[in-house]
C-alpha atoms as a PDB file:
ATOM      1  CA  MET A   1       5.170 -11.425  -5.524  1.00  0.00           C
ATOM      2  CA  THR A   2       2.539 -14.423  -4.539  1.00  0.00           C
ATOM      3  CA  LEU A   3      -0.753 -14.500  -3.811  1.00  0.00           C
ATOM      4  CA  SER A   4      -0.203 -15.259  -0.023  1.00  0.00           C
ATOM      5  CA  ASP A   5       2.583 -12.300   0.732  1.00  0.00           C
ATOM      6  CA  ALA A   6       0.208 -10.092  -1.418  1.00  0.00           C
ATOM      7  CA  LEU A   7      -3.041 -11.147   0.554  1.00  0.00           C
ATOM      8  CA  THR A   8      -1.083 -10.737   4.182  1.00  0.00           C
ATOM      9  CA  ALA A   9       0.332  -7.233   2.945  1.00  0.00           C
ATOM     10  CA  LEU A  10      -3.365  -6.447   2.244  1.00  0.00           C
ATOM     11  CA  ALA A  11      -5.179  -7.210   5.273  1.00  0.00           C
ATOM     12  CA  ASP A  12      -3.917  -4.755   7.290  1.00  0.00           C
ATOM     13  CA  PRO A  13      -5.769  -1.754   7.477  1.00  0.00           C
ATOM     14  CA  VAL A  14      -2.999   0.636   7.682  1.00  0.00           C
ATOM     15  CA  ARG A  15      -1.648  -0.947   4.899  1.00  0.00           C
ATOM     16  CA  ARG A  16      -4.229  -0.482   2.833  1.00  0.00           C
ATOM     17  CA  THR A  17      -4.155   3.396   3.734  1.00  0.00           C
ATOM     18  CA  ILE A  18      -0.828   3.850   2.508  1.00  0.00           C
ATOM     19  CA  VAL A  19      -1.826   1.998  -1.048  1.00  0.00           C
ATOM     20  CA  LYS A  20      -4.959   4.025  -1.391  1.00  0.00           C
ATOM     21  CA  GLU A  21      -2.920   7.472  -0.779  1.00  0.00           C
ATOM     22  CA  LEU A  22      -0.315   6.500  -3.449  1.00  0.00           C
ATOM     23  CA  ALA A  23      -2.712   5.234  -5.941  1.00  0.00           C
ATOM     24  CA  GLY A  24      -4.698   8.778  -5.869  1.00  0.00           C
ATOM     25  CA  GLY A  25      -1.111  10.479  -7.054  1.00  0.00           C
ATOM     26  CA  PRO A  26       1.695  10.502  -8.932  1.00  0.00           C
ATOM     27  CA  ASP A  27       4.354   8.199  -8.891  1.00  0.00           C
ATOM     28  CA  TRP A  28       7.411   8.827  -6.493  1.00  0.00           C
ATOM     29  CA  THR A  29       5.654  12.267  -5.531  1.00  0.00           C
ATOM     30  CA  ARG A  30       5.074  10.537  -1.780  1.00  0.00           C
ATOM     31  CA  ALA A  31       7.698  10.637   0.849  1.00  0.00           C
ATOM     32  CA  CYS A  32       7.077   7.355   3.589  1.00  0.00           C
ATOM     33  CA  GLY A  33       6.754  10.732   6.415  1.00  0.00           C
ATOM     34  CA  THR A  34       3.806  12.295   4.359  1.00  0.00           C
ATOM     35  CA  PHE A  35       1.432   9.687   5.473  1.00  0.00           C
ATOM     36  CA  ASP A  36      -1.009  10.669   8.089  1.00  0.00           C
ATOM     37  CA  LEU A  37      -1.152   7.211   9.858  1.00  0.00           C
ATOM     38  CA  PRO A  38      -1.473   6.439  13.506  1.00  0.00           C
ATOM     39  CA  VAL A  39       1.392   4.656  13.916  1.00  0.00           C
ATOM     40  CA  THR A  40       4.828   4.867  15.502  1.00  0.00           C
ATOM     41  CA  LYS A  41       7.635   5.948  13.216  1.00  0.00           C
ATOM     42  CA  ALA A  42       9.128   2.270  13.721  1.00  0.00           C
ATOM     43  CA  THR A  43       5.830   0.695  13.232  1.00  0.00           C
ATOM     44  CA  ARG A  44       4.989   3.038  10.092  1.00  0.00           C
ATOM     45  CA  SER A  45       8.662   1.819   8.584  1.00  0.00           C
ATOM     46  CA  HIS A  46       7.292  -2.350   9.156  1.00  0.00           C
ATOM     47  CA  HIS A  47       4.035  -1.334   6.755  1.00  0.00           C
ATOM     48  CA  PHE A  48       5.855   0.251   4.139  1.00  0.00           C
ATOM     49  CA  ALA A  49       8.506  -2.820   4.767  1.00  0.00           C
ATOM     50  CA  VAL A  50       5.835  -5.236   4.409  1.00  0.00           C
ATOM     51  CA  LEU A  51       4.754  -3.603   1.343  1.00  0.00           C
ATOM     52  CA  ARG A  52       7.666  -3.512  -0.359  1.00  0.00           C
ATOM     53  CA  GLN A  53       8.631  -7.301   0.123  1.00  0.00           C
ATOM     54  CA  ALA A  54       5.619  -8.665  -1.184  1.00  0.00           C
ATOM     55  CA  GLY A  55       5.817  -6.270  -4.704  1.00  0.00           C
ATOM     56  CA  VAL A  56       2.599  -3.955  -3.796  1.00  0.00           C
ATOM     57  CA  ILE A  57       5.316  -0.732  -3.713  1.00  0.00           C
ATOM     58  CA  GLU A  58       8.419   0.189  -4.845  1.00  0.00           C
ATOM     59  CA  GLN A  59      10.793   2.719  -3.151  1.00  0.00           C
ATOM     60  CA  ARG A  60      13.644   5.306  -4.304  1.00  0.00           C
ATOM     61  CA  ASP A  61      15.910   7.091  -1.691  1.00  0.00           C
ATOM     62  CA  MET A  62      16.300  11.061  -2.647  1.00  0.00           C
ATOM     63  CA  GLY A  63      18.403  12.331  -0.438  1.00  0.00           C
ATOM     64  CA  SER A  64      16.813  12.378   2.817  1.00  0.00           C
ATOM     65  CA  ARG A  65      13.183  11.032   1.788  1.00  0.00           C
ATOM     66  CA  ARG A  66      12.054   7.716   0.648  1.00  0.00           C
ATOM     67  CA  LEU A  67       9.437   8.056  -1.867  1.00  0.00           C
ATOM     68  CA  ASN A  68       7.426   5.466  -2.817  1.00  0.00           C
ATOM     69  CA  ARG A  69       5.273   4.241  -5.947  1.00  0.00           C
ATOM     70  CA  LEU A  70       2.521   1.984  -6.184  1.00  0.00           C
ATOM     71  CA  ARG A  71       3.313  -0.681  -8.781  1.00  0.00           C
ATOM     72  CA  ARG A  72       0.169  -1.217  -9.923  1.00  0.00           C
ATOM     73  CA  SER A  73       1.029  -2.401 -13.241  1.00  0.00           C
ATOM     74  CA  GLU A  74       2.691  -5.277 -12.452  1.00  0.00           C
ATOM     75  CA  PHE A  75       0.619  -5.941  -9.223  1.00  0.00           C
ATOM     76  CA  ASP A  76      -2.720  -5.813 -11.635  1.00  0.00           C
ATOM     77  CA  ALA A  77      -0.924  -8.109 -13.988  1.00  0.00           C
ATOM     78  CA  ALA A  78       0.086 -10.789 -11.513  1.00  0.00           C
ATOM     79  CA  PHE A  79      -3.391 -10.421  -9.341  1.00  0.00           C
ATOM     80  CA  PRO A  80      -6.088  -8.894 -12.002  1.00  0.00           C
ATOM     81  CA  GLY A  81      -8.765  -7.501 -10.190  1.00  0.00           C
ATOM     82  CA  LEU A  82      -6.957  -7.961  -6.307  1.00  0.00           C
ATOM     83  CA  LEU A  83      -5.952  -4.059  -6.425  1.00  0.00           C
ATOM     84  CA  ASP A  84      -9.413  -2.789  -8.176  1.00  0.00           C
ATOM     85  CA  LEU A  85     -11.457  -4.115  -4.837  1.00  0.00           C
ATOM     86  CA  VAL A  86      -8.773  -3.111  -2.163  1.00  0.00           C
ATOM     87  CA  LEU A  87      -9.268   0.493  -3.973  1.00  0.00           C
ATOM     88  CA  ASP A  88     -12.797   0.077  -3.847  1.00  0.00           C
ATOM     89  CA  GLU A  89     -13.285  -1.280  -0.492  1.00  0.00           C
ATOM     90  CA  ARG A  90     -15.991   0.181   1.192  1.00  0.00           C
ATOM     91  CA  ARG A  91     -16.892  -0.254   5.068  1.00  0.00           C
ATOM     92  CA  ALA A  92     -19.955  -2.394   5.620  1.00  0.00           C
ATOM     93  CA  SER A  93     -21.348  -2.390   8.973  1.00  0.00           C
ATOM     94  CA  PRO A  94     -22.873  -5.150  10.766  1.00  0.00           C
ATOM     95  CA  GLY A  95     -26.413  -6.004   9.353  1.00  0.00           C
ATOM     96  CA  ASP A  96     -25.420  -4.138   6.144  1.00  0.00           C
ATOM     97  CA  SER A  97     -26.229  -6.409   2.810  1.00  0.00           C
END
């Protein structure tokens, strides 16, 4: 897990949505198809692959479903505070201070 890979993975708003949703629930309860994302199935697969390769998530196949886990403790150990910033992200509009 490198900082560059982590930042690249978390730079995309779709991937941040996945991370935020995983952070809000128990490990291994969300299958890839249960996320309401504004992308095609192929693009969804790509986003999960980027997160997995960067070490942000872990995936486990259970029958026909691929379940996901946010690697919170591992990520926090490698990059303290970074995931908290992502999870606490607020949308700022131009001109906000």
